[in-house]
Amino acid sequence: MSLLRLQDKHVTKDVWEGNERLLRPRRHAIWILKHEDILDQRVKQLIDHSGFGHLLKFKNIDFNHVLLTTLVERWRSETHTFHFPLGETTVTLEDVELILGLPVDGQAVTRITNGDLVSLCEQFLRFTPPATAVKGNVISLSWLNNNFQELPHHATDDVIAQHAQAHILTLIGSLLMPDSSGSKVHLMYLLLLADLNNARNYSWGSAVLASLYRALDHEIDFNQDNIGGCTLLLQCWAWERLTCISPQLQPLTDEEVQQGVGFPLGKRTHTGGTIVPQIRAMFDGIKAKEVFLWTPYRVDYVRRLITIEVSPIARAVVPLICFATVEFHQVDRVMRQFGFRQSIPHDPFNLDQLHKEDMRGRTDRYWPQYHGNQFNGNGHLHDKSTYMQWYINHTIRYISPIESSSDDD
């Protein structure tokens, strides 16, 4: 029985029939990133204390639609991994922590999602949004932009905290976990930001990765024309590993490294050119160590930029939770990303039932309780291990239309 049981629903079925598409990332004007230079230092300190400070270092964010489209073609929701000719690989909690600088160890990002959450705006932000700015329990990012861009003179500690909460909420809605519109954010996150001293105790990195996995699961449908989730994370993950498409970086001095100028790793920017079939063929031909880096964070020029200790949870097989969303961190399938030899992994978790769970119609569900009730070597690329022999014979790896592929021999 094939591991890839959902092939009939996968975008590659259409690609092999000669159809093409180009995904467009959902995004909003990320004003917090554009206005970081004029953000009040007291607000910055609170954001940093809450665990989101590294995100303030990002500047302009440009997405390569062609690269993202081609990556999605290799995503398999059955395993939560990308399937390349040399094996499976995926975005892990280690990537989240090093690329975005977010905490990955801590309490699950979940709580209630029902009730009148709009009233929280008055309670925590001291503003009541007009009816035109809200729909249900989601709020317009534009409204947040207009009301919290500039800190008033002689602001009290409470007002400073309100601005920090609004900035973090905007980061969540525009960059980390954007919804399908890219222009709104759910107010459920505000509950977890009520106490900024406690906000860093949540595993925000796990929530971001869960949201990205779920978005990728949706985007393998050919009829999808946009890409959700944290596309910055996905793009930078590819840049770290795929040397054939990664940007050239300007070297940093020792002083700049010591100042943390190079961290988090996702600060690089690059758009690139080419078209989907060209990148697709490039990926189909990846078979060499020089083209794909299993452990990019061990490369000397990258390792010197890392200013934090990676949490051990980054290598664990654990559930990833973001309110109603639950995905699994199936790193047992990608052990070469941690410097180990890959053995034949256990069968992947069947998430069909969990993928049906969302917040629609779940007005009385308390998600923390609901989720609580649910549930060595060096990894050479040209690997003749038992796992690689199994992988070669049991998975579909080439995305280019079969009749035109030059990699079948």
Protein backbone atom coordinates (compact mmCIF):
# COMPACT_ATOMS: atom_id res chain seq x y z
CA MET A 1 0.00 0.00 0.00
CA SER A 2 1.41 3.37 -0.96
CA LEU A 3 2.37 5.80 1.75
CA LEU A 4 0.97 8.63 -0.38
CA ARG A 5 -2.71 7.71 -0.05
CA LEU A 6 -3.95 11.24 -0.89
CA GLN A 7 -2.36 11.46 -4.34
CA ASP A 8 -5.73 11.90 -6.08
CA LYS A 9 -6.14 15.21 -4.22
CA HIS A 10 -2.58 16.42 -4.75
CA VAL A 11 -1.52 19.26 -7.05
CA THR A 12 0.97 17.02 -8.85
CA LYS A 13 -1.91 15.12 -10.40
CA ASP A 14 -2.81 18.32 -12.30
CA VAL A 15 0.82 19.20 -13.03
CA TRP A 16 1.32 15.82 -14.71
CA GLU A 17 -1.71 16.61 -16.88
CA GLY A 18 0.01 19.78 -18.11
CA ASN A 19 -1.73 22.36 -15.87
CA GLU A 20 0.14 25.13 -14.05
CA ARG A 21 -0.63 27.56 -11.23
CA LEU A 22 1.17 30.27 -9.29
CA LEU A 23 0.42 30.75 -5.59
CA ARG A 24 0.19 34.26 -4.15
CA PRO A 25 1.07 34.72 -0.48
CA ARG A 26 -1.63 36.38 1.57
CA ARG A 27 -0.06 39.40 3.17
CA HIS A 28 -0.91 42.73 4.70
CA ALA A 29 1.09 45.92 4.99
CA ILE A 30 3.37 44.92 7.85
CA TRP A 31 3.60 48.35 9.35
CA ILE A 32 5.31 47.21 12.52
CA LEU A 33 8.27 46.08 10.44
CA LYS A 34 8.32 49.23 8.34
CA HIS A 35 8.08 51.51 11.36
CA GLU A 36 10.50 49.69 13.65
CA ASP A 37 12.95 52.57 13.48
CA ILE A 38 10.41 54.99 14.94
CA LEU A 39 8.86 52.53 17.40
CA ASP A 40 9.16 53.86 20.93
CA GLN A 41 11.97 52.16 22.86
CA ARG A 42 9.66 51.39 25.78
CA VAL A 43 7.28 49.52 23.48
CA LYS A 44 10.20 47.64 21.93
CA GLN A 45 11.39 46.53 25.36
CA LEU A 46 7.97 45.11 26.22
CA ILE A 47 7.71 43.30 22.88
CA ASP A 48 11.17 41.84 23.42
CA HIS A 49 10.28 40.81 26.97
CA SER A 50 7.21 39.02 25.60
CA GLY A 51 9.30 36.81 23.32
CA PHE A 52 8.62 38.57 20.00
CA GLY A 53 11.55 41.00 20.01
CA HIS A 54 13.60 39.29 17.31
CA LEU A 55 10.83 39.90 14.79
CA LEU A 56 11.38 43.65 15.10
CA LYS A 57 14.73 43.21 13.34
CA PHE A 58 13.12 42.23 10.03
CA LYS A 59 12.98 44.93 7.40
CA ASN A 60 11.52 44.61 3.91
CA ILE A 61 9.94 41.25 3.18
CA ASP A 62 9.70 40.12 -0.45
CA PHE A 63 8.32 36.71 -1.34
CA ASN A 64 9.39 34.58 -4.27
CA HIS A 65 6.02 33.26 -5.50
CA VAL A 66 7.70 30.84 -7.89
CA LEU A 67 9.83 29.25 -5.17
CA LEU A 68 6.89 28.92 -2.78
CA THR A 69 4.66 27.43 -5.47
CA THR A 70 7.29 24.82 -6.31
CA LEU A 71 7.89 23.93 -2.66
CA VAL A 72 4.19 23.32 -2.09
CA GLU A 73 4.20 20.81 -4.95
CA ARG A 74 6.59 18.69 -2.88
CA TRP A 75 4.60 18.88 0.37
CA ARG A 76 2.81 15.74 1.48
CA SER A 77 0.13 16.11 4.14
CA GLU A 78 0.38 12.39 4.90
CA THR A 79 3.87 12.86 6.39
CA HIS A 80 4.17 16.63 6.92
CA THR A 81 7.37 16.54 4.90
CA PHE A 82 8.65 17.69 1.52
CA HIS A 83 9.58 14.79 -0.76
CA PHE A 84 12.82 15.36 -2.67
CA PRO A 85 14.83 12.83 -4.69
CA LEU A 86 17.29 12.46 -1.80
CA GLY A 87 14.69 11.89 0.92
CA GLU A 88 12.16 13.60 3.13
CA THR A 89 12.77 16.96 4.74
CA THR A 90 10.58 19.46 6.59
CA VAL A 91 10.39 22.70 8.56
CA THR A 92 11.03 21.87 12.22
CA LEU A 93 10.87 23.69 15.53
CA GLU A 94 14.64 24.17 15.27
CA ASP A 95 14.07 26.16 12.07
CA VAL A 96 11.37 28.25 13.73
CA GLU A 97 13.60 29.09 16.67
CA LEU A 98 16.63 30.00 14.56
CA ILE A 99 14.92 31.71 11.60
CA LEU A 100 12.31 33.69 13.53
CA GLY A 101 13.78 33.74 17.04
CA LEU A 102 10.49 32.62 18.61
CA PRO A 103 10.25 30.43 21.74
CA VAL A 104 9.29 26.82 20.94
CA ASP A 105 9.15 25.43 24.47
CA GLY A 106 6.30 26.32 26.81
CA GLN A 107 2.55 26.21 27.23
CA ALA A 108 0.32 25.37 24.28
CA VAL A 109 -1.10 28.39 22.44
CA THR A 110 -4.75 27.65 23.06
CA ARG A 111 -7.67 28.87 25.11
CA ILE A 112 -11.30 29.79 24.49
CA THR A 113 -12.35 31.03 21.06
CA ASN A 114 -16.02 31.75 21.69
CA GLY A 115 -17.99 34.50 23.41
CA ASP A 116 -17.72 38.26 22.97
CA LEU A 117 -13.99 38.63 22.48
CA VAL A 118 -14.42 42.11 20.99
CA SER A 119 -15.00 43.36 24.52
CA LEU A 120 -11.37 42.45 25.21
CA CYS A 121 -10.33 45.43 23.11
CA GLU A 122 -11.86 47.79 25.63
CA GLN A 123 -10.46 45.77 28.53
CA PHE A 124 -6.88 45.44 27.26
CA LEU A 125 -6.42 48.04 24.53
CA ARG A 126 -8.76 50.72 25.94
CA PHE A 127 -10.38 51.07 22.52
CA THR A 128 -13.72 49.80 21.28
CA PRO A 129 -13.46 49.14 17.55
CA PRO A 130 -16.36 50.27 15.36
CA ALA A 131 -18.64 47.68 13.79
CA THR A 132 -16.93 48.22 10.43
CA ALA A 133 -13.62 47.02 11.89
CA VAL A 134 -14.83 43.69 13.27
CA LYS A 135 -16.55 40.59 12.01
CA GLY A 136 -17.37 38.02 14.62
CA ASN A 137 -14.26 37.83 16.75
CA VAL A 138 -11.76 38.99 14.14
CA ILE A 139 -10.53 42.55 13.85
CA SER A 140 -9.15 44.56 10.95
CA LEU A 141 -5.40 44.99 10.89
CA SER A 142 -5.94 48.40 9.32
CA TRP A 143 -7.85 49.52 12.40
CA LEU A 144 -4.97 48.43 14.61
CA ASN A 145 -2.57 50.23 12.28
CA ASN A 146 -4.48 53.49 12.49
CA ASN A 147 -4.87 53.49 16.26
CA PHE A 148 -1.51 52.21 17.54
CA GLN A 149 1.17 53.48 15.21
CA GLU A 150 2.37 56.29 17.44
CA LEU A 151 2.74 56.28 21.20
CA PRO A 152 1.22 59.41 22.81
CA HIS A 153 3.44 61.82 24.69
CA HIS A 154 3.66 61.16 28.44
CA ALA A 155 2.20 57.66 27.97
CA THR A 156 1.58 55.72 31.16
CA ASP A 157 2.81 52.15 31.68
CA ASP A 158 -0.68 50.88 30.83
CA VAL A 159 -0.73 52.76 27.52
CA ILE A 160 2.75 51.47 26.64
CA ALA A 161 1.56 47.91 27.34
CA GLN A 162 -1.51 48.45 25.15
CA HIS A 163 0.65 49.55 22.24
CA ALA A 164 2.93 46.54 22.71
CA GLN A 165 -0.10 44.20 22.71
CA ALA A 166 -1.47 45.81 19.55
CA HIS A 167 1.92 45.51 17.81
CA ILE A 168 2.24 41.81 18.70
CA LEU A 169 -1.34 41.16 17.60
CA THR A 170 -0.53 42.76 14.27
CA LEU A 171 2.61 40.64 13.91
CA ILE A 172 0.52 37.51 14.49
CA GLY A 173 -2.13 38.49 11.98
CA SER A 174 0.12 39.83 9.24
CA LEU A 175 3.25 37.69 9.43
CA LEU A 176 3.17 34.72 11.79
CA MET A 177 -0.31 33.22 11.48
CA PRO A 178 -2.27 35.21 8.87
CA ASP A 179 -5.85 34.14 8.18
CA SER A 180 -7.19 33.43 4.70
CA SER A 181 -7.84 37.12 4.04
CA GLY A 182 -4.47 38.43 5.16
CA SER A 183 -6.21 41.55 6.47
CA LYS A 184 -7.66 40.48 9.84
CA VAL A 185 -6.55 38.81 13.04
CA HIS A 186 -8.56 36.77 15.54
CA LEU A 187 -8.91 38.31 18.99
CA MET A 188 -8.39 34.93 20.69
CA TYR A 189 -4.65 35.73 20.72
CA LEU A 190 -5.28 38.83 22.81
CA LEU A 191 -6.21 36.63 25.78
CA LEU A 192 -2.69 35.22 25.80
CA LEU A 193 -1.18 38.70 25.57
CA ALA A 194 -3.13 40.11 28.50
CA ASP A 195 -0.13 39.60 30.80
CA LEU A 196 2.97 40.48 28.81
CA ASN A 197 5.15 39.10 31.60
CA ASN A 198 3.64 35.67 30.96
CA ALA A 199 3.35 35.84 27.15
CA ARG A 200 6.85 34.46 26.57
CA ASN A 201 5.91 31.29 28.46
CA TYR A 202 3.79 30.11 25.52
CA SER A 203 5.20 28.04 22.69
CA TRP A 204 4.52 30.60 19.96
CA GLY A 205 6.93 28.83 17.66
CA SER A 206 4.86 25.63 17.85
CA ALA A 207 1.72 27.59 17.01
CA VAL A 208 3.39 29.18 13.98
CA LEU A 209 4.57 25.79 12.73
CA ALA A 210 1.14 24.21 13.27
CA SER A 211 -0.45 27.01 11.25
CA LEU A 212 2.13 26.63 8.47
CA TYR A 213 1.60 22.86 8.29
CA ARG A 214 -2.17 23.31 8.11
CA ALA A 215 -1.82 25.96 5.41
CA LEU A 216 0.43 23.69 3.34
CA ASP A 217 -2.09 20.87 3.72
CA HIS A 218 -4.73 23.13 2.17
CA GLU A 219 -2.47 24.38 -0.60
CA ILE A 220 -1.78 20.98 -2.17
CA ASP A 221 -5.22 21.43 -3.76
CA PHE A 222 -4.64 22.70 -7.30
CA ASN A 223 -7.65 25.04 -7.03
CA GLN A 224 -6.03 27.02 -4.22
CA ASP A 225 -4.54 30.24 -5.56
CA ASN A 226 -3.02 31.72 -2.42
CA ILE A 227 -0.64 30.53 0.25
CA GLY A 228 -1.22 31.10 3.95
CA GLY A 229 0.84 30.49 7.05
CA CYS A 230 4.22 32.05 7.76
CA THR A 231 5.62 32.26 4.25
CA LEU A 232 8.69 34.08 5.56
CA LEU A 233 9.59 30.97 7.58
CA LEU A 234 9.01 28.69 4.60
CA GLN A 235 11.05 30.81 2.21
CA CYS A 236 13.97 31.24 4.59
CA TRP A 237 13.93 27.51 5.39
CA ALA A 238 14.44 26.82 1.68
CA TRP A 239 17.21 29.40 1.41
CA GLU A 240 19.12 27.82 4.29
CA ARG A 241 19.15 24.39 2.63
CA LEU A 242 18.83 24.72 -1.14
CA THR A 243 22.04 26.34 -2.30
CA CYS A 244 20.83 26.41 -5.91
CA ILE A 245 18.25 29.11 -5.04
CA SER A 246 19.64 30.78 -1.89
CA PRO A 247 20.72 34.44 -1.92
CA GLN A 248 24.28 35.61 -1.51
CA LEU A 249 24.77 37.31 1.85
CA GLN A 250 27.11 40.11 2.75
CA PRO A 251 29.66 38.91 5.34
CA LEU A 252 29.45 40.37 8.83
CA THR A 253 32.33 41.59 10.95
CA ASP A 254 33.06 39.97 14.32
CA GLU A 255 31.74 43.10 16.00
CA GLU A 256 28.43 42.89 14.10
CA VAL A 257 28.11 39.22 14.99
CA GLN A 258 28.70 39.98 18.67
CA GLN A 259 26.01 42.67 18.47
CA GLY A 260 23.53 40.10 17.15
CA VAL A 261 23.20 41.78 13.74
CA GLY A 262 22.96 38.41 11.98
CA PHE A 263 20.26 36.88 14.20
CA PRO A 264 17.57 35.69 13.70
CA LEU A 265 18.65 33.99 10.50
CA GLY A 266 15.51 34.97 8.58
CA LYS A 267 16.62 38.59 8.25
CA ARG A 268 18.07 38.03 4.79
CA THR A 269 16.00 39.25 1.83
CA HIS A 270 16.02 38.05 -1.75
CA THR A 271 13.40 37.68 -4.46
CA GLY A 272 15.07 35.89 -7.38
CA GLY A 273 13.69 35.22 -10.84
CA THR A 274 13.08 32.18 -13.07
CA ILE A 275 9.77 30.30 -13.54
CA VAL A 276 8.03 27.34 -11.94
CA PRO A 277 9.11 24.63 -14.46
CA GLN A 278 12.76 25.71 -14.10
CA ILE A 279 12.78 25.51 -10.31
CA ARG A 280 10.74 22.30 -10.50
CA ALA A 281 13.37 20.69 -12.75
CA MET A 282 16.10 22.01 -10.44
CA PHE A 283 14.44 20.32 -7.46
CA ASP A 284 13.88 17.10 -9.41
CA GLY A 285 17.64 16.92 -9.97
CA ILE A 286 18.80 17.53 -6.39
CA LYS A 287 21.12 14.63 -5.60
CA ALA A 288 24.34 16.23 -4.40
CA LYS A 289 25.57 17.36 -1.02
CA GLU A 290 26.65 20.68 -2.53
CA VAL A 291 23.06 21.48 -3.55
CA PHE A 292 21.13 20.46 -0.43
CA LEU A 293 22.39 21.10 3.11
CA TRP A 294 20.91 18.75 5.71
CA THR A 295 22.45 20.64 8.65
CA PRO A 296 22.87 24.27 7.51
CA TYR A 297 23.15 25.59 11.06
CA ARG A 298 26.41 23.69 11.53
CA VAL A 299 28.09 25.53 8.68
CA ASP A 300 30.73 27.82 10.20
CA TYR A 301 29.52 31.13 8.73
CA VAL A 302 25.97 30.39 9.91
CA ARG A 303 26.83 28.92 13.29
CA ARG A 304 28.71 32.06 14.30
CA LEU A 305 25.51 34.10 13.86
CA ILE A 306 23.41 32.05 16.30
CA THR A 307 23.06 33.78 19.65
CA ILE A 308 20.70 31.37 21.45
CA GLU A 309 20.66 27.79 22.69
CA VAL A 310 18.18 25.66 20.76
CA SER A 311 15.60 24.00 23.00
CA PRO A 312 15.73 20.16 23.16
CA ILE A 313 12.00 20.16 22.31
CA ALA A 314 13.02 21.16 18.77
CA ARG A 315 13.98 17.51 18.13
CA ALA A 316 10.97 15.85 19.75
CA VAL A 317 7.97 14.16 18.15
CA VAL A 318 5.27 16.31 19.73
CA PRO A 319 1.86 17.74 18.85
CA LEU A 320 1.90 21.32 17.55
CA ILE A 321 -1.10 23.28 18.80
CA CYS A 322 -2.61 26.61 17.81
CA PHE A 323 -6.06 26.81 19.41
CA ALA A 324 -8.22 24.38 17.37
CA THR A 325 -5.38 23.39 15.04
CA VAL A 326 -3.33 20.30 15.92
CA GLU A 327 -0.52 18.96 13.73
CA PHE A 328 2.39 16.66 14.55
CA HIS A 329 6.09 17.41 14.55
CA GLN A 330 7.19 14.19 12.86
CA VAL A 331 10.93 14.71 13.10
CA ASP A 332 11.55 10.95 13.28
CA ARG A 333 11.22 11.12 9.48
CA VAL A 334 13.96 13.74 9.02
CA MET A 335 16.72 12.72 11.40
CA ARG A 336 19.41 13.76 8.92
CA GLN A 337 18.42 17.37 9.61
CA PHE A 338 19.85 16.84 13.11
CA GLY A 339 23.00 15.06 11.98
CA PHE A 340 21.79 11.47 12.43
CA ARG A 341 21.40 8.62 9.97
CA GLN A 342 17.79 8.03 8.92
CA SER A 343 16.25 4.63 9.60
CA ILE A 344 12.88 3.50 8.30
CA PRO A 345 10.41 5.69 10.23
CA HIS A 346 7.22 4.54 11.86
CA ASP A 347 4.02 4.98 9.89
CA PRO A 348 3.01 8.66 9.98
CA PHE A 349 0.15 9.78 12.18
CA ASN A 350 -3.17 9.68 10.36
CA LEU A 351 -4.48 13.21 10.86
CA ASP A 352 -7.61 12.97 8.73
CA GLN A 353 -9.91 13.38 11.74
CA LEU A 354 -7.84 16.16 13.31
CA HIS A 355 -7.87 18.04 10.01
CA LYS A 356 -11.64 18.23 10.26
CA GLU A 357 -11.38 20.11 13.55
CA ASP A 358 -11.70 23.87 13.36
CA MET A 359 -13.50 26.63 15.23
CA ARG A 360 -16.59 26.67 13.04
CA GLY A 361 -19.59 25.58 15.06
CA ARG A 362 -17.48 24.84 18.15
CA THR A 363 -18.92 27.65 20.25
CA ASP A 364 -18.88 25.70 23.50
CA ARG A 365 -15.53 23.95 23.21
CA TYR A 366 -12.72 24.69 25.65
CA TRP A 367 -9.75 23.75 23.51
CA PRO A 368 -7.11 23.13 26.24
CA GLN A 369 -9.32 20.47 27.83
CA TYR A 370 -10.34 19.02 24.46
CA HIS A 371 -6.74 18.63 23.29
CA GLY A 372 -5.75 17.20 26.67
CA ASN A 373 -8.21 14.37 26.12
CA GLN A 374 -6.98 13.56 22.59
CA PHE A 375 -4.25 12.46 22.62
CA ASN A 376 22.62 8.16 14.76
CA GLY A 377 25.15 8.46 12.21
CA ASN A 378 26.01 11.38 9.87
CA GLY A 379 23.38 11.08 7.13
CA HIS A 380 25.15 10.95 3.77
CA LEU A 381 23.08 12.13 0.82
CA HIS A 382 23.99 9.22 -1.47
CA ASP A 383 22.77 6.85 1.18
CA LYS A 384 22.30 3.13 0.51
CA SER A 385 20.72 2.58 3.91
CA THR A 386 17.60 0.46 4.30
CA TYR A 387 15.50 3.60 4.67
CA MET A 388 16.66 5.12 1.38
CA GLN A 389 16.02 1.89 -0.50
CA TRP A 390 12.52 1.81 0.95
CA TYR A 391 12.03 5.52 0.15
CA ILE A 392 13.08 5.14 -3.47
CA ASN A 393 10.66 2.26 -4.03
CA HIS A 394 7.61 3.56 -2.15
CA THR A 395 7.28 7.29 -2.80
CA ILE A 396 6.74 9.56 -5.79
CA ARG A 397 9.57 12.10 -5.92
CA TYR A 398 9.56 13.77 -9.33
CA ILE A 399 7.17 16.66 -9.92
CA SER A 400 7.88 17.56 -13.55
CA PRO A 401 5.36 16.01 -15.99
CA ILE A 402 6.43 12.39 -16.31
CA GLU A 403 6.81 12.41 -20.08
CA SER A 404 9.23 15.37 -19.95
CA SER A 405 11.31 14.37 -16.93
CA SER A 406 14.95 13.68 -17.59
CA ASP A 407 15.53 12.10 -14.17
CA ASP A 408 13.79 8.79 -14.67
CA ASP A 409 16.86 6.85 -15.75
